[in-house]
Amino acid sequence: MRLATWFVIATIAAAYISAPAHAQTSDDSLKIYAVNIVKTPPLKKQFTGYGIYLGRGMVITAAHVVGRWPVFTHPRVLIAGQDLPANVIKLGSFEQTDLALLSVDETKLPVSLRLRRNPLCEKAPSVGMAVVVVAPEETHRSQVISPLLIAPELRSRFDTLISAPEGSGMGVFDAERKCLLGIMSARVQKYNYQPRNRRIVGRTIGFAGYLVPASKITNFIGLSAPETPPF
């Protein structure tokens, strides 16, 4: 009887131990899409941010990672062991749409990457959704949270949030479907709102991370992005 009980407990424990390992292995497969964006402003130190490879030589990142004057900063993309000069196809702004679309010479990429296409999610982020935040060196899990946790005057602008801020330009993927849910853009103060003396009072509880959602990426790309890089 004791042996049977121990076997059941051991089986359940093994299931709980192995599940995160499998999820982590699956999540790590997304790192193939993660890139670094490097720029060198005049008379300033080199800056390195993040981006995500979409396929066909195209890379998406946050606009402020590239900066307002890319002609002077000469952005480059570090991808698949290559350091490639980047062309800026379209540049938004942090104040409007914090996205930038870059292209690199696809022929310089390994065939295994040239054949890949990184799908954008069709489903909008929903509160409680598990997500994977991806950089070239690591992945980790986070969760979509409600805009009701930030200041009311910011909710219409920063309406897609995860529980903590991440590096600008990092990719946020749907943990289940492994499609690109958005690109990290900014950090926003979180509040815990509670009634006090017939008023609602907010207490700061750290920061949330704002991501530009896939729907905005689709619109941004669709306006001007060619089907193939201009080489």
C-alpha atoms as a PDB file:
ATOM      1  CA  MET A   1       0.000   0.000   0.000  1.00  0.00           C
ATOM      2  CA  ARG A   2       2.787   2.376   0.917  1.00  0.00           C
ATOM      3  CA  LEU A   3       4.642   1.477  -2.279  1.00  0.00           C
ATOM      4  CA  ALA A   4       1.561   2.215  -4.397  1.00  0.00           C
ATOM      5  CA  THR A   5       1.044   5.557  -2.659  1.00  0.00           C
ATOM      6  CA  TRP A   6       4.687   6.516  -3.196  1.00  0.00           C
ATOM      7  CA  PHE A   7       4.416   5.613  -6.891  1.00  0.00           C
ATOM      8  CA  VAL A   8       1.366   7.868  -7.377  1.00  0.00           C
ATOM      9  CA  ILE A   9       3.072  10.770  -5.593  1.00  0.00           C
ATOM     10  CA  ALA A  10       6.250  10.291  -7.628  1.00  0.00           C
ATOM     11  CA  THR A  11       4.275  10.213 -10.899  1.00  0.00           C
ATOM     12  CA  ILE A  12       2.438  13.446 -10.077  1.00  0.00           C
ATOM     13  CA  ALA A  13       5.675  15.147  -8.991  1.00  0.00           C
ATOM     14  CA  ALA A  14       7.408  14.098 -12.207  1.00  0.00           C
ATOM     15  CA  ALA A  15       4.584  15.597 -14.262  1.00  0.00           C
ATOM     16  CA  TYR A  16       4.908  18.929 -12.483  1.00  0.00           C
ATOM     17  CA  ILE A  17       8.684  18.934 -12.772  1.00  0.00           C
ATOM     18  CA  SER A  18       8.819  18.015 -16.464  1.00  0.00           C
ATOM     19  CA  ALA A  19       6.119  20.447 -17.676  1.00  0.00           C
ATOM     20  CA  PRO A  20       8.150  23.661 -17.107  1.00  0.00           C
ATOM     21  CA  ALA A  21      11.199  22.074 -18.719  1.00  0.00           C
ATOM     22  CA  HIS A  22       9.205  21.221 -21.847  1.00  0.00           C
ATOM     23  CA  ALA A  23       7.703  24.720 -21.945  1.00  0.00           C
ATOM     24  CA  GLN A  24      11.150  26.277 -21.569  1.00  0.00           C
ATOM     25  CA  THR A  25      12.528  24.186 -24.427  1.00  0.00           C
ATOM     26  CA  SER A  26       9.608  25.217 -26.624  1.00  0.00           C
ATOM     27  CA  ASP A  27      10.032  28.868 -25.638  1.00  0.00           C
ATOM     28  CA  ASP A  28      13.757  28.818 -26.408  1.00  0.00           C
ATOM     29  CA  SER A  29      12.999  27.869 -30.016  1.00  0.00           C
ATOM     30  CA  LEU A  30      11.691  31.432 -30.453  1.00  0.00           C
ATOM     31  CA  LYS A  31      15.159  32.901 -29.887  1.00  0.00           C
ATOM     32  CA  ILE A  32      15.954  32.273 -33.551  1.00  0.00           C
ATOM     33  CA  TYR A  33      13.774  35.323 -34.364  1.00  0.00           C
ATOM     34  CA  ALA A  34      15.424  37.643 -31.825  1.00  0.00           C
ATOM     35  CA  VAL A  35      18.064  40.127 -32.990  1.00  0.00           C
ATOM     36  CA  ASN A  36      20.097  43.002 -31.608  1.00  0.00           C
ATOM     37  CA  ILE A  37      19.847  46.475 -33.114  1.00  0.00           C
ATOM     38  CA  VAL A  38      23.067  48.502 -32.830  1.00  0.00           C
ATOM     39  CA  LYS A  39      23.391  52.216 -33.473  1.00  0.00           C
ATOM     40  CA  THR A  40      26.289  54.635 -32.976  1.00  0.00           C
ATOM     41  CA  PRO A  41      25.176  58.253 -32.505  1.00  0.00           C
ATOM     42  CA  PRO A  42      27.778  60.910 -33.396  1.00  0.00           C
ATOM     43  CA  LEU A  43      30.143  61.571 -30.485  1.00  0.00           C
ATOM     44  CA  LYS A  44      28.224  59.149 -28.252  1.00  0.00           C
ATOM     45  CA  LYS A  45      28.636  55.574 -27.090  1.00  0.00           C
ATOM     46  CA  GLN A  46      27.257  52.696 -29.102  1.00  0.00           C
ATOM     47  CA  PHE A  47      23.720  51.670 -28.114  1.00  0.00           C
ATOM     48  CA  THR A  48      22.348  48.134 -28.424  1.00  0.00           C
ATOM     49  CA  GLY A  49      18.624  47.355 -28.378  1.00  0.00           C
ATOM     50  CA  TYR A  50      16.414  44.516 -29.546  1.00  0.00           C
ATOM     51  CA  GLY A  51      14.289  43.535 -32.509  1.00  0.00           C
ATOM     52  CA  ILE A  52      12.476  40.591 -34.081  1.00  0.00           C
ATOM     53  CA  TYR A  53      13.072  39.003 -37.465  1.00  0.00           C
ATOM     54  CA  LEU A  54       9.849  38.693 -39.486  1.00  0.00           C
ATOM     55  CA  GLY A  55      11.209  36.918 -42.562  1.00  0.00           C
ATOM     56  CA  ARG A  56      12.319  37.983 -46.054  1.00  0.00           C
ATOM     57  CA  GLY A  57      15.075  40.124 -44.587  1.00  0.00           C
ATOM     58  CA  MET A  58      12.642  42.247 -42.561  1.00  0.00           C
ATOM     59  CA  VAL A  59      13.153  43.191 -38.899  1.00  0.00           C
ATOM     60  CA  ILE A  60      10.662  44.973 -36.637  1.00  0.00           C
ATOM     61  CA  THR A  61      11.699  46.963 -33.557  1.00  0.00           C
ATOM     62  CA  ALA A  62      10.635  49.980 -31.523  1.00  0.00           C
ATOM     63  CA  ALA A  63      11.133  53.338 -33.242  1.00  0.00           C
ATOM     64  CA  HIS A  64      13.069  54.809 -30.323  1.00  0.00           C
ATOM     65  CA  VAL A  65      15.583  51.949 -30.561  1.00  0.00           C
ATOM     66  CA  VAL A  66      16.520  53.182 -34.038  1.00  0.00           C
ATOM     67  CA  GLY A  67      16.293  56.874 -33.071  1.00  0.00           C
ATOM     68  CA  ARG A  68      15.035  59.929 -34.938  1.00  0.00           C
ATOM     69  CA  TRP A  69      18.062  60.302 -37.231  1.00  0.00           C
ATOM     70  CA  PRO A  70      19.119  56.862 -38.498  1.00  0.00           C
ATOM     71  CA  VAL A  71      21.089  58.447 -41.336  1.00  0.00           C
ATOM     72  CA  PHE A  72      23.578  59.593 -38.677  1.00  0.00           C
ATOM     73  CA  THR A  73      23.480  56.539 -36.399  1.00  0.00           C
ATOM     74  CA  HIS A  74      23.948  53.860 -39.095  1.00  0.00           C
ATOM     75  CA  PRO A  75      21.838  51.104 -37.489  1.00  0.00           C
ATOM     76  CA  ARG A  76      23.046  47.522 -37.822  1.00  0.00           C
ATOM     77  CA  VAL A  77      21.370  44.206 -37.116  1.00  0.00           C
ATOM     78  CA  LEU A  78      23.141  41.379 -35.286  1.00  0.00           C
ATOM     79  CA  ILE A  79      21.426  38.208 -36.460  1.00  0.00           C
ATOM     80  CA  ALA A  80      22.454  34.560 -36.804  1.00  0.00           C
ATOM     81  CA  GLY A  81      26.080  35.431 -36.077  1.00  0.00           C
ATOM     82  CA  GLN A  82      26.111  38.168 -38.742  1.00  0.00           C
ATOM     83  CA  ASP A  83      26.619  41.915 -38.272  1.00  0.00           C
ATOM     84  CA  LEU A  84      24.620  43.431 -41.140  1.00  0.00           C
ATOM     85  CA  PRO A  85      23.952  47.048 -42.155  1.00  0.00           C
ATOM     86  CA  ALA A  86      20.245  47.865 -42.059  1.00  0.00           C
ATOM     87  CA  ASN A  87      18.035  49.954 -44.299  1.00  0.00           C
ATOM     88  CA  VAL A  88      15.212  51.804 -42.557  1.00  0.00           C
ATOM     89  CA  ILE A  89      12.069  51.012 -44.565  1.00  0.00           C
ATOM     90  CA  LYS A  90       9.657  52.863 -42.293  1.00  0.00           C
ATOM     91  CA  LEU A  91      10.127  54.797 -39.066  1.00  0.00           C
ATOM     92  CA  GLY A  92       7.391  55.730 -36.620  1.00  0.00           C
ATOM     93  CA  SER A  93       7.785  57.668 -33.397  1.00  0.00           C
ATOM     94  CA  PHE A  94       7.431  56.976 -29.681  1.00  0.00           C
ATOM     95  CA  GLU A  95       4.667  59.579 -29.464  1.00  0.00           C
ATOM     96  CA  GLN A  96       2.589  58.005 -32.255  1.00  0.00           C
ATOM     97  CA  THR A  97       3.413  54.437 -33.319  1.00  0.00           C
ATOM     98  CA  ASP A  98       6.602  53.218 -31.662  1.00  0.00           C
ATOM     99  CA  LEU A  99       7.712  50.943 -34.487  1.00  0.00           C
ATOM    100  CA  ALA A 100      10.496  50.803 -37.044  1.00  0.00           C
ATOM    101  CA  LEU A 101      10.752  48.405 -39.977  1.00  0.00           C
ATOM    102  CA  LEU A 102      14.281  47.557 -41.122  1.00  0.00           C
ATOM    103  CA  SER A 103      15.661  45.361 -43.867  1.00  0.00           C
ATOM    104  CA  VAL A 104      18.922  43.463 -44.191  1.00  0.00           C
ATOM    105  CA  ASP A 105      20.497  41.569 -47.063  1.00  0.00           C
ATOM    106  CA  GLU A 106      18.638  38.255 -46.848  1.00  0.00           C
ATOM    107  CA  THR A 107      21.282  36.473 -48.909  1.00  0.00           C
ATOM    108  CA  LYS A 108      23.728  36.891 -46.018  1.00  0.00           C
ATOM    109  CA  LEU A 109      21.489  34.839 -43.703  1.00  0.00           C
ATOM    110  CA  PRO A 110      21.690  31.059 -43.281  1.00  0.00           C
ATOM    111  CA  VAL A 111      19.191  29.095 -45.360  1.00  0.00           C
ATOM    112  CA  SER A 112      17.508  27.784 -42.215  1.00  0.00           C
ATOM    113  CA  LEU A 113      16.536  31.366 -41.312  1.00  0.00           C
ATOM    114  CA  ARG A 114      15.745  32.544 -44.838  1.00  0.00           C
ATOM    115  CA  LEU A 115      13.063  29.873 -45.115  1.00  0.00           C
ATOM    116  CA  ARG A 116      11.326  30.986 -41.918  1.00  0.00           C
ATOM    117  CA  ARG A 117       8.315  33.302 -41.630  1.00  0.00           C
ATOM    118  CA  ASN A 118       7.379  34.715 -38.242  1.00  0.00           C
ATOM    119  CA  PRO A 119       3.553  34.891 -38.056  1.00  0.00           C
ATOM    120  CA  LEU A 120       1.808  37.827 -36.412  1.00  0.00           C
ATOM    121  CA  CYS A 121      -1.020  36.932 -34.036  1.00  0.00           C
ATOM    122  CA  GLU A 122      -4.524  37.529 -35.307  1.00  0.00           C
ATOM    123  CA  LYS A 123      -6.008  37.275 -31.818  1.00  0.00           C
ATOM    124  CA  ALA A 124      -5.703  40.412 -29.660  1.00  0.00           C
ATOM    125  CA  PRO A 125      -3.985  40.119 -26.247  1.00  0.00           C
ATOM    126  CA  SER A 126      -6.411  39.234 -23.466  1.00  0.00           C
ATOM    127  CA  VAL A 127      -6.022  39.737 -19.734  1.00  0.00           C
ATOM    128  CA  GLY A 128      -4.411  36.712 -18.117  1.00  0.00           C
ATOM    129  CA  MET A 129      -2.862  35.406 -21.359  1.00  0.00           C
ATOM    130  CA  ALA A 130       0.530  33.762 -20.872  1.00  0.00           C
ATOM    131  CA  VAL A 131       3.250  35.254 -23.060  1.00  0.00           C
ATOM    132  CA  VAL A 132       6.914  34.612 -23.814  1.00  0.00           C
ATOM    133  CA  VAL A 133       9.283  37.589 -23.903  1.00  0.00           C
ATOM    134  CA  VAL A 134      12.173  36.900 -26.275  1.00  0.00           C
ATOM    135  CA  ALA A 135      15.688  38.283 -26.592  1.00  0.00           C
ATOM    136  CA  PRO A 136      18.687  36.712 -28.391  1.00  0.00           C
ATOM    137  CA  GLU A 137      20.174  35.472 -25.127  1.00  0.00           C
ATOM    138  CA  GLU A 138      17.074  34.452 -23.165  1.00  0.00           C
ATOM    139  CA  THR A 139      13.327  33.900 -22.974  1.00  0.00           C
ATOM    140  CA  HIS A 140      11.020  34.114 -20.005  1.00  0.00           C
ATOM    141  CA  ARG A 141       7.319  34.016 -19.247  1.00  0.00           C
ATOM    142  CA  SER A 142       5.039  36.922 -18.379  1.00  0.00           C
ATOM    143  CA  GLN A 143       1.323  37.675 -18.433  1.00  0.00           C
ATOM    144  CA  VAL A 144      -1.041  40.180 -20.037  1.00  0.00           C
ATOM    145  CA  ILE A 145      -2.586  42.510 -17.445  1.00  0.00           C
ATOM    146  CA  SER A 146      -5.487  44.967 -17.453  1.00  0.00           C
ATOM    147  CA  PRO A 147      -5.024  48.674 -18.338  1.00  0.00           C
ATOM    148  CA  LEU A 148      -7.139  49.353 -15.225  1.00  0.00           C
ATOM    149  CA  LEU A 149      -3.894  48.911 -13.260  1.00  0.00           C
ATOM    150  CA  ILE A 150      -2.399  52.126 -14.675  1.00  0.00           C
ATOM    151  CA  ALA A 151      -3.446  55.776 -14.419  1.00  0.00           C
ATOM    152  CA  PRO A 152      -6.808  56.497 -16.127  1.00  0.00           C
ATOM    153  CA  GLU A 153      -5.353  59.182 -18.410  1.00  0.00           C
ATOM    154  CA  LEU A 154      -2.859  56.668 -19.866  1.00  0.00           C
ATOM    155  CA  ARG A 155      -5.196  53.741 -20.505  1.00  0.00           C
ATOM    156  CA  SER A 156      -6.233  54.677 -24.039  1.00  0.00           C
ATOM    157  CA  ARG A 157      -2.632  55.038 -25.194  1.00  0.00           C
ATOM    158  CA  PHE A 158      -1.040  52.148 -23.279  1.00  0.00           C
ATOM    159  CA  ASP A 159      -3.810  49.612 -23.657  1.00  0.00           C
ATOM    160  CA  THR A 160      -1.762  46.427 -24.144  1.00  0.00           C
ATOM    161  CA  LEU A 161       0.312  45.632 -21.066  1.00  0.00           C
ATOM    162  CA  ILE A 162       2.274  42.805 -19.501  1.00  0.00           C
ATOM    163  CA  SER A 163       3.074  42.465 -15.831  1.00  0.00           C
ATOM    164  CA  ALA A 164       6.620  43.910 -15.942  1.00  0.00           C
ATOM    165  CA  PRO A 165       8.659  46.100 -18.320  1.00  0.00           C
ATOM    166  CA  GLU A 166      11.162  44.520 -20.699  1.00  0.00           C
ATOM    167  CA  GLY A 167      13.878  45.722 -23.060  1.00  0.00           C
ATOM    168  CA  SER A 168      12.701  47.976 -25.891  1.00  0.00           C
ATOM    169  CA  GLY A 169      12.182  46.069 -29.131  1.00  0.00           C
ATOM    170  CA  MET A 170      11.941  42.628 -27.497  1.00  0.00           C
ATOM    171  CA  GLY A 171       9.336  40.327 -29.001  1.00  0.00           C
ATOM    172  CA  VAL A 172       6.303  39.221 -26.996  1.00  0.00           C
ATOM    173  CA  PHE A 173       4.883  35.913 -28.227  1.00  0.00           C
ATOM    174  CA  ASP A 174       1.652  34.096 -27.442  1.00  0.00           C
ATOM    175  CA  ALA A 175       2.907  31.266 -25.227  1.00  0.00           C
ATOM    176  CA  GLU A 176       0.412  28.799 -26.696  1.00  0.00           C
ATOM    177  CA  ARG A 177       0.346  29.622 -30.415  1.00  0.00           C
ATOM    178  CA  LYS A 178       3.939  30.934 -30.642  1.00  0.00           C
ATOM    179  CA  CYS A 179       2.853  33.830 -32.881  1.00  0.00           C
ATOM    180  CA  LEU A 180       4.198  37.381 -32.406  1.00  0.00           C
ATOM    181  CA  LEU A 181       1.836  39.271 -30.117  1.00  0.00           C
ATOM    182  CA  GLY A 182       3.732  42.564 -30.030  1.00  0.00           C
ATOM    183  CA  ILE A 183       6.944  44.552 -29.599  1.00  0.00           C
ATOM    184  CA  MET A 184       8.034  46.019 -26.270  1.00  0.00           C
ATOM    185  CA  SER A 185       7.926  49.798 -26.179  1.00  0.00           C
ATOM    186  CA  ALA A 186       7.720  51.427 -22.729  1.00  0.00           C
ATOM    187  CA  ARG A 187       7.278  51.011 -19.000  1.00  0.00           C
ATOM    188  CA  VAL A 188       4.213  52.438 -17.271  1.00  0.00           C
ATOM    189  CA  GLN A 189       3.593  52.961 -13.550  1.00  0.00           C
ATOM    190  CA  LYS A 190       1.174  50.473 -11.991  1.00  0.00           C
ATOM    191  CA  TYR A 191      -1.234  51.274  -9.157  1.00  0.00           C
ATOM    192  CA  ASN A 192      -3.263  49.310  -6.656  1.00  0.00           C
ATOM    193  CA  TYR A 193      -6.569  51.197  -6.460  1.00  0.00           C
ATOM    194  CA  GLN A 194      -8.533  50.942  -3.198  1.00  0.00           C
ATOM    195  CA  PRO A 195     -11.473  52.840  -1.660  1.00  0.00           C
ATOM    196  CA  ARG A 196     -10.521  55.163   1.181  1.00  0.00           C
ATOM    197  CA  ASN A 197     -12.743  57.761   2.855  1.00  0.00           C
ATOM    198  CA  ARG A 198     -15.268  57.540   0.010  1.00  0.00           C
ATOM    199  CA  ARG A 199     -12.503  58.054  -2.549  1.00  0.00           C
ATOM    200  CA  ILE A 200     -10.492  55.725  -4.763  1.00  0.00           C
ATOM    201  CA  VAL A 201      -6.811  56.004  -3.881  1.00  0.00           C
ATOM    202  CA  GLY A 202      -3.985  54.506  -5.935  1.00  0.00           C
ATOM    203  CA  ARG A 203      -0.788  53.111  -4.389  1.00  0.00           C
ATOM    204  CA  THR A 204       2.193  52.520  -6.683  1.00  0.00           C
ATOM    205  CA  ILE A 205       3.134  48.862  -7.129  1.00  0.00           C
ATOM    206  CA  GLY A 206       5.963  48.933  -9.652  1.00  0.00           C
ATOM    207  CA  PHE A 207       5.794  49.114 -13.431  1.00  0.00           C
ATOM    208  CA  ALA A 208       3.994  47.380 -16.268  1.00  0.00           C
ATOM    209  CA  GLY A 209       5.434  46.878 -19.743  1.00  0.00           C
ATOM    210  CA  TYR A 210       3.625  48.330 -22.773  1.00  0.00           C
ATOM    211  CA  LEU A 211       3.812  46.440 -26.061  1.00  0.00           C
ATOM    212  CA  VAL A 212       2.791  47.657 -29.497  1.00  0.00           C
ATOM    213  CA  PRO A 213       0.302  44.934 -30.480  1.00  0.00           C
ATOM    214  CA  ALA A 214       0.368  42.797 -33.619  1.00  0.00           C
ATOM    215  CA  SER A 215      -2.656  44.631 -35.046  1.00  0.00           C
ATOM    216  CA  LYS A 216      -0.674  47.876 -35.114  1.00  0.00           C
ATOM    217  CA  ILE A 217       2.366  46.093 -36.537  1.00  0.00           C
ATOM    218  CA  THR A 218       0.188  44.732 -39.355  1.00  0.00           C
ATOM    219  CA  ASN A 219      -1.156  48.200 -40.160  1.00  0.00           C
ATOM    220  CA  PHE A 220       2.304  49.739 -39.920  1.00  0.00           C
ATOM    221  CA  ILE A 221       3.864  47.227 -42.294  1.00  0.00           C
ATOM    222  CA  GLY A 222       0.915  47.167 -44.678  1.00  0.00           C
ATOM    223  CA  LEU A 223       1.125  50.863 -45.440  1.00  0.00           C
ATOM    224  CA  SER A 224       4.534  50.843 -47.041  1.00  0.00           C
ATOM    225  CA  ALA A 225       6.448  47.604 -46.572  1.00  0.00           C
ATOM    226  CA  PRO A 226       7.350  45.849 -49.836  1.00  0.00           C
ATOM    227  CA  GLU A 227       6.942  42.090 -50.058  1.00  0.00           C
ATOM    228  CA  THR A 228      10.674  41.672 -50.457  1.00  0.00           C
ATOM    229  CA  PRO A 229      13.660  43.805 -49.382  1.00  0.00           C
ATOM    230  CA  PRO A 230      14.850  46.393 -51.912  1.00  0.00           C
ATOM    231  CA  PHE A 231      18.154  44.788 -52.891  1.00  0.00           C
END
